[in-house]
Amino acid sequence: MINVTARRLFLCAQPMDMRKGIDGLASIVLSQLQLNPSSGDIFIFVGRRASSLKALCWDGDGYWLCTRRLAEGRFLVPHLERRDGRPATLELSEVEWHLLLDGIVVRDRVLLRRHRRTLPEDHVPAAPAQIRSEEAPMIDVNPAYVPC
């Protein structure tokens, strides 16, 4: 199992070809990002359509390559560019990593509508959150969110 709290997380801000495997992504980390892929840090890559991401990590004994593909919606990654043309990286905290996976924009903290977030019936929300009663209770973690 990968312990995220003991590692640094780097998000590659340039879309990547999701057909690449461990060797292809490790070579990108080494040549383009100019970081060491066997440092124990986690390197996160998002696909061109932004509906999938891959996380590459060295655990001291070998590489892990984890993939997440969304059934609907997409990951929204800030677009950063370097002047020298290489892909830019953004170091994420553990909280920002979980926000990205949950559909909240890493920099803007905006909730992206991807799927229903249902809560148990005995859940009591915090003060700023609102409960909508449709078929199942749903929490809106961003009161400023306006549906498209």
N, C-alpha and C. Protein backbone atom coordinates (compact mmCIF):
# COMPACT_ATOMS: atom_id res chain seq x y z
N MET A 1 0.84 -1.18 0.00
CA MET A 1 0.00 0.00 0.00
C MET A 1 0.88 1.24 0.00
N ILE A 2 0.47 2.28 -0.69
CA ILE A 2 1.24 3.51 -0.79
C ILE A 2 0.78 4.46 0.31
N ASN A 3 1.73 4.94 1.12
CA ASN A 3 1.43 5.92 2.15
C ASN A 3 1.62 7.31 1.57
N VAL A 4 0.53 8.03 1.34
CA VAL A 4 0.58 9.34 0.69
C VAL A 4 1.13 10.41 1.63
N THR A 5 0.92 10.28 2.93
CA THR A 5 1.31 11.32 3.86
C THR A 5 2.82 11.48 3.97
N ALA A 6 3.59 10.45 3.71
CA ALA A 6 5.04 10.52 3.85
C ALA A 6 5.73 10.92 2.55
N ARG A 7 4.99 11.30 1.55
CA ARG A 7 5.57 11.58 0.24
C ARG A 7 5.13 12.93 -0.29
N ARG A 8 5.92 13.47 -1.22
CA ARG A 8 5.51 14.68 -1.92
C ARG A 8 4.73 14.25 -3.16
N LEU A 9 3.75 15.06 -3.53
CA LEU A 9 2.90 14.78 -4.70
C LEU A 9 3.14 15.86 -5.74
N PHE A 10 3.48 15.44 -6.95
CA PHE A 10 3.70 16.38 -8.04
C PHE A 10 2.68 16.13 -9.13
N LEU A 11 1.94 17.16 -9.49
CA LEU A 11 0.95 17.08 -10.57
C LEU A 11 1.56 17.69 -11.82
N CYS A 12 1.63 16.91 -12.88
CA CYS A 12 2.11 17.42 -14.17
C CYS A 12 0.96 18.17 -14.81
N ALA A 13 1.15 19.47 -15.06
CA ALA A 13 0.07 20.32 -15.53
C ALA A 13 -0.19 20.19 -17.03
N GLN A 14 0.64 19.44 -17.74
CA GLN A 14 0.44 19.24 -19.18
C GLN A 14 -0.25 17.90 -19.40
N PRO A 15 -1.27 17.86 -20.28
CA PRO A 15 -1.94 16.57 -20.55
C PRO A 15 -0.95 15.54 -21.09
N MET A 16 -1.14 14.30 -20.66
CA MET A 16 -0.23 13.23 -21.00
C MET A 16 -0.97 12.14 -21.78
N ASP A 17 -0.25 11.39 -22.58
CA ASP A 17 -0.80 10.26 -23.31
C ASP A 17 -1.01 9.12 -22.31
N MET A 18 -2.25 8.72 -22.08
CA MET A 18 -2.55 7.71 -21.07
C MET A 18 -2.19 6.29 -21.51
N ARG A 19 -1.69 6.13 -22.73
CA ARG A 19 -1.21 4.81 -23.16
C ARG A 19 0.17 4.51 -22.59
N LYS A 20 0.84 5.52 -22.06
CA LYS A 20 2.17 5.32 -21.50
C LYS A 20 2.09 4.48 -20.24
N GLY A 21 3.09 3.65 -20.07
CA GLY A 21 3.16 2.80 -18.89
C GLY A 21 4.22 3.31 -17.92
N ILE A 22 4.70 2.43 -17.08
CA ILE A 22 5.66 2.81 -16.05
C ILE A 22 6.94 3.39 -16.66
N ASP A 23 7.50 2.70 -17.64
CA ASP A 23 8.76 3.16 -18.23
C ASP A 23 8.60 4.49 -18.95
N GLY A 24 7.52 4.66 -19.69
CA GLY A 24 7.28 5.91 -20.41
C GLY A 24 7.09 7.09 -19.48
N LEU A 25 6.30 6.90 -18.41
CA LEU A 25 6.07 7.99 -17.46
C LEU A 25 7.32 8.28 -16.64
N ALA A 26 8.07 7.25 -16.27
CA ALA A 26 9.32 7.46 -15.53
C ALA A 26 10.32 8.24 -16.37
N SER A 27 10.37 7.97 -17.67
CA SER A 27 11.29 8.72 -18.53
C SER A 27 10.85 10.17 -18.67
N ILE A 28 9.54 10.44 -18.66
CA ILE A 28 9.05 11.82 -18.70
C ILE A 28 9.43 12.56 -17.42
N VAL A 29 9.28 11.89 -16.28
CA VAL A 29 9.67 12.50 -15.01
C VAL A 29 11.15 12.86 -15.03
N LEU A 30 11.97 11.96 -15.52
CA LEU A 30 13.41 12.17 -15.53
C LEU A 30 13.84 13.21 -16.56
N SER A 31 13.36 13.10 -17.80
CA SER A 31 13.86 13.98 -18.86
C SER A 31 13.15 15.32 -18.92
N GLN A 32 11.82 15.35 -18.84
CA GLN A 32 11.10 16.60 -19.01
C GLN A 32 10.86 17.35 -17.71
N LEU A 33 10.48 16.64 -16.65
CA LEU A 33 10.24 17.30 -15.37
C LEU A 33 11.53 17.50 -14.59
N GLN A 34 12.58 16.80 -15.00
CA GLN A 34 13.90 16.84 -14.38
C GLN A 34 13.83 16.55 -12.88
N LEU A 35 13.07 15.52 -12.54
CA LEU A 35 12.96 15.03 -11.17
C LEU A 35 13.33 13.55 -11.18
N ASN A 36 13.62 13.00 -10.02
CA ASN A 36 14.02 11.61 -9.92
C ASN A 36 12.79 10.74 -9.71
N PRO A 37 12.43 9.86 -10.66
CA PRO A 37 11.23 9.04 -10.49
C PRO A 37 11.37 8.00 -9.38
N SER A 38 12.59 7.67 -8.96
CA SER A 38 12.78 6.69 -7.89
C SER A 38 13.06 7.36 -6.54
N SER A 39 12.62 8.61 -6.39
CA SER A 39 12.82 9.34 -5.15
C SER A 39 11.81 8.97 -4.07
N GLY A 40 10.74 8.29 -4.46
CA GLY A 40 9.68 7.96 -3.51
C GLY A 40 8.53 8.94 -3.59
N ASP A 41 8.68 10.02 -4.36
CA ASP A 41 7.59 10.98 -4.56
C ASP A 41 6.55 10.39 -5.50
N ILE A 42 5.35 10.95 -5.48
CA ILE A 42 4.26 10.48 -6.34
C ILE A 42 4.08 11.50 -7.46
N PHE A 43 4.09 11.02 -8.69
CA PHE A 43 3.94 11.87 -9.86
C PHE A 43 2.59 11.57 -10.50
N ILE A 44 1.78 12.61 -10.68
CA ILE A 44 0.40 12.46 -11.15
C ILE A 44 0.30 13.05 -12.55
N PHE A 45 -0.29 12.29 -13.47
CA PHE A 45 -0.45 12.69 -14.86
C PHE A 45 -1.93 12.61 -15.21
N VAL A 46 -2.43 13.60 -15.93
CA VAL A 46 -3.83 13.63 -16.36
C VAL A 46 -3.85 13.49 -17.88
N GLY A 47 -4.83 12.74 -18.38
CA GLY A 47 -4.96 12.51 -19.82
C GLY A 47 -5.46 13.73 -20.57
N ARG A 48 -5.40 13.66 -21.90
CA ARG A 48 -5.82 14.78 -22.74
C ARG A 48 -7.29 15.13 -22.56
N ARG A 49 -8.15 14.11 -22.43
CA ARG A 49 -9.57 14.36 -22.22
C ARG A 49 -9.89 14.66 -20.76
N ALA A 50 -8.90 14.54 -19.89
CA ALA A 50 -9.00 14.84 -18.45
C ALA A 50 -10.02 13.96 -17.74
N SER A 51 -10.35 12.82 -18.33
CA SER A 51 -11.26 11.90 -17.65
C SER A 51 -10.51 10.79 -16.93
N SER A 52 -9.19 10.78 -17.06
CA SER A 52 -8.39 9.77 -16.38
C SER A 52 -7.09 10.37 -15.88
N LEU A 53 -6.55 9.75 -14.86
CA LEU A 53 -5.24 10.15 -14.36
C LEU A 53 -4.45 8.92 -13.96
N LYS A 54 -3.13 9.07 -13.94
CA LYS A 54 -2.24 8.02 -13.50
C LYS A 54 -1.29 8.59 -12.46
N ALA A 55 -0.99 7.79 -11.45
CA ALA A 55 -0.05 8.17 -10.41
C ALA A 55 1.09 7.17 -10.41
N LEU A 56 2.31 7.67 -10.53
CA LEU A 56 3.51 6.85 -10.57
C LEU A 56 4.28 7.05 -9.27
N CYS A 57 4.69 5.95 -8.65
CA CYS A 57 5.39 6.03 -7.37
C CYS A 57 6.39 4.89 -7.24
N TRP A 58 7.55 5.18 -6.67
CA TRP A 58 8.56 4.18 -6.35
C TRP A 58 8.46 3.90 -4.86
N ASP A 59 8.32 2.62 -4.47
CA ASP A 59 8.17 2.30 -3.05
C ASP A 59 9.43 1.68 -2.45
N GLY A 60 10.57 1.79 -3.15
CA GLY A 60 11.82 1.24 -2.64
C GLY A 60 12.13 -0.13 -3.19
N ASP A 61 11.10 -0.82 -3.68
CA ASP A 61 11.28 -2.17 -4.21
C ASP A 61 10.83 -2.27 -5.66
N GLY A 62 10.10 -1.29 -6.12
CA GLY A 62 9.58 -1.28 -7.49
C GLY A 62 8.62 -0.12 -7.67
N TYR A 63 8.14 0.03 -8.89
CA TYR A 63 7.20 1.11 -9.21
C TYR A 63 5.76 0.67 -9.01
N TRP A 64 4.94 1.60 -8.59
CA TRP A 64 3.48 1.46 -8.58
C TRP A 64 2.96 2.38 -9.67
N LEU A 65 1.98 1.91 -10.43
CA LEU A 65 1.28 2.77 -11.39
C LEU A 65 -0.21 2.58 -11.15
N CYS A 66 -0.84 3.60 -10.62
CA CYS A 66 -2.26 3.55 -10.30
C CYS A 66 -3.02 4.39 -11.31
N THR A 67 -4.17 3.92 -11.75
CA THR A 67 -4.99 4.61 -12.74
C THR A 67 -6.37 4.86 -12.18
N ARG A 68 -6.91 6.04 -12.47
CA ARG A 68 -8.30 6.34 -12.12
C ARG A 68 -8.97 6.90 -13.35
N ARG A 69 -10.08 6.28 -13.76
CA ARG A 69 -10.85 6.77 -14.91
C ARG A 69 -12.26 7.05 -14.43
N LEU A 70 -12.73 8.26 -14.70
CA LEU A 70 -14.07 8.67 -14.28
C LEU A 70 -15.12 8.12 -15.22
N ALA A 71 -16.26 7.73 -14.68
CA ALA A 71 -17.37 7.26 -15.49
C ALA A 71 -17.98 8.43 -16.27
N GLU A 72 -18.03 9.58 -15.63
CA GLU A 72 -18.49 10.79 -16.31
C GLU A 72 -17.81 11.98 -15.67
N GLY A 73 -17.73 13.08 -16.39
CA GLY A 73 -17.05 14.26 -15.88
C GLY A 73 -15.57 14.20 -16.18
N ARG A 74 -14.84 15.15 -15.61
CA ARG A 74 -13.41 15.22 -15.85
C ARG A 74 -12.70 15.88 -14.68
N PHE A 75 -11.40 15.66 -14.64
CA PHE A 75 -10.56 16.34 -13.67
C PHE A 75 -10.22 17.71 -14.24
N LEU A 76 -10.25 18.72 -13.43
CA LEU A 76 -9.88 20.05 -13.88
C LEU A 76 -8.54 20.41 -13.26
N VAL A 77 -7.54 20.51 -14.10
CA VAL A 77 -6.18 20.77 -13.66
C VAL A 77 -5.79 22.16 -14.14
N PRO A 78 -5.17 22.97 -13.27
CA PRO A 78 -4.74 24.29 -13.72
C PRO A 78 -3.72 24.17 -14.83
N HIS A 79 -3.84 25.03 -15.83
CA HIS A 79 -2.92 25.00 -16.97
C HIS A 79 -1.74 25.91 -16.66
N LEU A 80 -0.58 25.32 -16.50
CA LEU A 80 0.64 26.07 -16.22
C LEU A 80 1.64 25.78 -17.32
N GLU A 81 2.38 26.80 -17.73
CA GLU A 81 3.41 26.60 -18.74
C GLU A 81 4.71 27.22 -18.27
N ARG A 82 5.80 26.59 -18.66
CA ARG A 82 7.11 27.13 -18.38
C ARG A 82 7.61 27.84 -19.63
N ARG A 83 8.49 28.78 -19.46
CA ARG A 83 9.02 29.53 -20.60
C ARG A 83 9.91 28.68 -21.49
N ASP A 84 10.52 27.63 -20.92
CA ASP A 84 11.42 26.80 -21.71
C ASP A 84 10.69 25.68 -22.46
N GLY A 85 9.36 25.62 -22.36
CA GLY A 85 8.58 24.65 -23.11
C GLY A 85 8.38 23.31 -22.42
N ARG A 86 9.08 23.06 -21.31
CA ARG A 86 8.89 21.81 -20.59
C ARG A 86 7.59 21.84 -19.81
N PRO A 87 7.02 20.68 -19.48
CA PRO A 87 5.79 20.66 -18.70
C PRO A 87 6.03 21.21 -17.29
N ALA A 88 5.09 21.98 -16.82
CA ALA A 88 5.18 22.53 -15.46
C ALA A 88 4.62 21.52 -14.47
N THR A 89 5.12 21.56 -13.26
CA THR A 89 4.60 20.70 -12.21
C THR A 89 4.09 21.56 -11.07
N LEU A 90 3.13 21.02 -10.38
CA LEU A 90 2.53 21.69 -9.25
C LEU A 90 2.62 20.73 -8.08
N GLU A 91 3.24 21.15 -6.98
CA GLU A 91 3.33 20.28 -5.81
C GLU A 91 2.03 20.39 -5.03
N LEU A 92 1.42 19.25 -4.76
CA LEU A 92 0.14 19.20 -4.07
C LEU A 92 0.33 18.73 -2.63
N SER A 93 -0.51 19.25 -1.76
CA SER A 93 -0.58 18.71 -0.41
C SER A 93 -1.50 17.50 -0.44
N GLU A 94 -1.55 16.76 0.64
CA GLU A 94 -2.44 15.60 0.70
C GLU A 94 -3.90 16.03 0.57
N VAL A 95 -4.24 17.17 1.16
CA VAL A 95 -5.61 17.69 1.07
C VAL A 95 -5.95 18.06 -0.37
N GLU A 96 -5.02 18.73 -1.06
CA GLU A 96 -5.27 19.10 -2.46
C GLU A 96 -5.40 17.87 -3.34
N TRP A 97 -4.66 16.81 -3.05
CA TRP A 97 -4.77 15.55 -3.78
C TRP A 97 -6.18 14.98 -3.64
N HIS A 98 -6.70 14.97 -2.40
CA HIS A 98 -8.05 14.45 -2.18
C HIS A 98 -9.11 15.36 -2.81
N LEU A 99 -8.88 16.66 -2.80
CA LEU A 99 -9.81 17.59 -3.46
C LEU A 99 -9.85 17.33 -4.96
N LEU A 100 -8.69 17.09 -5.57
CA LEU A 100 -8.63 16.79 -7.00
C LEU A 100 -9.41 15.52 -7.31
N LEU A 101 -9.22 14.49 -6.51
CA LEU A 101 -9.92 13.23 -6.73
C LEU A 101 -11.42 13.36 -6.51
N ASP A 102 -11.84 14.26 -5.61
CA ASP A 102 -13.26 14.45 -5.32
C ASP A 102 -13.95 15.42 -6.28
N GLY A 103 -13.20 16.00 -7.22
CA GLY A 103 -13.81 16.88 -8.21
C GLY A 103 -13.81 18.34 -7.84
N ILE A 104 -12.97 18.73 -6.90
CA ILE A 104 -12.88 20.13 -6.52
C ILE A 104 -11.60 20.67 -7.12
N VAL A 105 -11.68 21.81 -7.81
CA VAL A 105 -10.54 22.39 -8.49
C VAL A 105 -9.45 22.68 -7.47
N VAL A 106 -8.24 22.26 -7.80
CA VAL A 106 -7.12 22.36 -6.86
C VAL A 106 -6.83 23.81 -6.48
N ARG A 107 -6.84 24.71 -7.41
CA ARG A 107 -6.50 26.10 -7.12
C ARG A 107 -7.72 26.96 -6.76
N ASP A 108 -8.86 26.76 -7.42
CA ASP A 108 -10.01 27.62 -7.21
C ASP A 108 -10.98 27.11 -6.15
N ARG A 109 -10.88 25.87 -5.77
CA ARG A 109 -11.75 25.23 -4.78
C ARG A 109 -13.22 25.31 -5.20
N VAL A 110 -13.49 24.95 -6.45
CA VAL A 110 -14.84 24.96 -7.00
C VAL A 110 -15.29 23.51 -7.17
N LEU A 111 -16.50 23.20 -6.72
CA LEU A 111 -17.03 21.85 -6.85
C LEU A 111 -17.50 21.62 -8.28
N LEU A 112 -17.01 20.56 -8.90
CA LEU A 112 -17.43 20.20 -10.24
C LEU A 112 -18.55 19.18 -10.13
N ARG A 113 -19.61 19.36 -10.88
CA ARG A 113 -20.74 18.43 -10.85
C ARG A 113 -20.36 17.21 -11.66
N ARG A 114 -20.18 16.07 -11.00
CA ARG A 114 -19.84 14.82 -11.69
C ARG A 114 -20.80 13.72 -11.34
N HIS A 115 -21.19 13.63 -10.11
CA HIS A 115 -22.03 12.52 -9.68
C HIS A 115 -22.73 12.94 -8.39
N ARG A 116 -23.68 12.16 -7.99
CA ARG A 116 -24.40 12.45 -6.75
C ARG A 116 -23.56 12.05 -5.55
N ARG A 117 -23.51 12.90 -4.58
CA ARG A 117 -22.83 12.58 -3.34
C ARG A 117 -23.91 12.37 -2.29
N THR A 118 -24.18 11.13 -1.95
CA THR A 118 -25.23 10.83 -0.99
C THR A 118 -24.63 10.67 0.39
N LEU A 119 -25.44 10.97 1.39
CA LEU A 119 -25.01 10.89 2.78
C LEU A 119 -25.89 9.92 3.54
N PRO A 120 -25.36 9.36 4.63
CA PRO A 120 -26.21 8.53 5.48
C PRO A 120 -27.32 9.38 6.09
N GLU A 121 -28.42 8.75 6.44
CA GLU A 121 -29.57 9.49 6.96
C GLU A 121 -29.29 10.16 8.29
N ASP A 122 -28.37 9.62 9.09
CA ASP A 122 -28.10 10.21 10.41
C ASP A 122 -27.02 11.29 10.34
N HIS A 123 -26.56 11.67 9.14
CA HIS A 123 -25.53 12.68 9.00
C HIS A 123 -26.09 14.07 9.27
N VAL A 124 -25.39 14.85 10.08
CA VAL A 124 -25.77 16.24 10.34
C VAL A 124 -24.70 17.11 9.71
N PRO A 125 -25.07 17.94 8.72
CA PRO A 125 -24.06 18.74 8.01
C PRO A 125 -23.56 19.90 8.86
N ALA A 126 -22.38 20.41 8.47
CA ALA A 126 -21.84 21.60 9.10
C ALA A 126 -22.67 22.81 8.69
N ALA A 127 -22.48 23.93 9.34
CA ALA A 127 -23.32 25.11 9.13
C ALA A 127 -23.38 25.60 7.69
N PRO A 128 -22.24 25.78 6.96
CA PRO A 128 -22.35 26.34 5.62
C PRO A 128 -22.93 25.39 4.57
N ALA A 129 -22.92 24.11 4.82
CA ALA A 129 -23.42 23.15 3.84
C ALA A 129 -24.95 23.14 3.83
N GLN A 130 -25.51 22.79 2.68
CA GLN A 130 -26.95 22.74 2.54
C GLN A 130 -27.36 21.33 2.12
N ILE A 131 -28.50 20.87 2.63
CA ILE A 131 -29.01 19.56 2.22
C ILE A 131 -30.18 19.79 1.28
N ARG A 132 -30.13 19.08 0.16
CA ARG A 132 -31.24 19.15 -0.80
C ARG A 132 -32.01 17.85 -0.71
N SER A 133 -33.29 17.94 -0.62
CA SER A 133 -34.06 16.70 -0.52
C SER A 133 -34.67 16.36 -1.87
N GLU A 134 -34.08 15.39 -2.52
CA GLU A 134 -34.65 14.84 -3.74
C GLU A 134 -34.96 13.39 -3.41
N GLU A 135 -34.37 12.46 -4.13
CA GLU A 135 -34.56 11.06 -3.79
C GLU A 135 -33.70 10.68 -2.59
N ALA A 136 -32.46 11.16 -2.56
CA ALA A 136 -31.55 10.90 -1.46
C ALA A 136 -30.93 12.22 -1.04
N PRO A 137 -30.61 12.40 0.24
CA PRO A 137 -29.99 13.65 0.65
C PRO A 137 -28.65 13.84 -0.05
N MET A 138 -28.36 15.08 -0.45
CA MET A 138 -27.13 15.40 -1.13
C MET A 138 -26.55 16.66 -0.51
N ILE A 139 -25.25 16.69 -0.31
CA ILE A 139 -24.63 17.85 0.29
C ILE A 139 -23.92 18.65 -0.77
N ASP A 140 -24.01 19.95 -0.68
CA ASP A 140 -23.30 20.84 -1.58
C ASP A 140 -22.19 21.46 -0.76
N VAL A 141 -20.95 21.05 -1.00
CA VAL A 141 -19.85 21.54 -0.19
C VAL A 141 -19.43 22.95 -0.54
N ASN A 142 -19.92 23.48 -1.65
CA ASN A 142 -19.61 24.84 -2.03
C ASN A 142 -20.91 25.60 -2.21
N PRO A 143 -21.33 26.44 -1.24
CA PRO A 143 -22.60 27.14 -1.36
C PRO A 143 -22.64 28.10 -2.54
N ALA A 144 -21.48 28.51 -3.09
CA ALA A 144 -21.47 29.44 -4.21
C ALA A 144 -21.59 28.72 -5.55
N TYR A 145 -21.68 27.39 -5.55
CA TYR A 145 -21.75 26.61 -6.78
C TYR A 145 -23.06 26.89 -7.50
N VAL A 146 -22.97 27.14 -8.81
CA VAL A 146 -24.15 27.36 -9.63
C VAL A 146 -24.18 26.25 -10.67
N PRO A 147 -25.25 25.43 -10.71
CA PRO A 147 -25.30 24.34 -11.69
C PRO A 147 -25.29 24.87 -13.11
N CYS A 148 -24.69 24.11 -14.01
CA CYS A 148 -24.62 24.50 -15.43
C CYS A 148 -25.97 24.28 -16.09
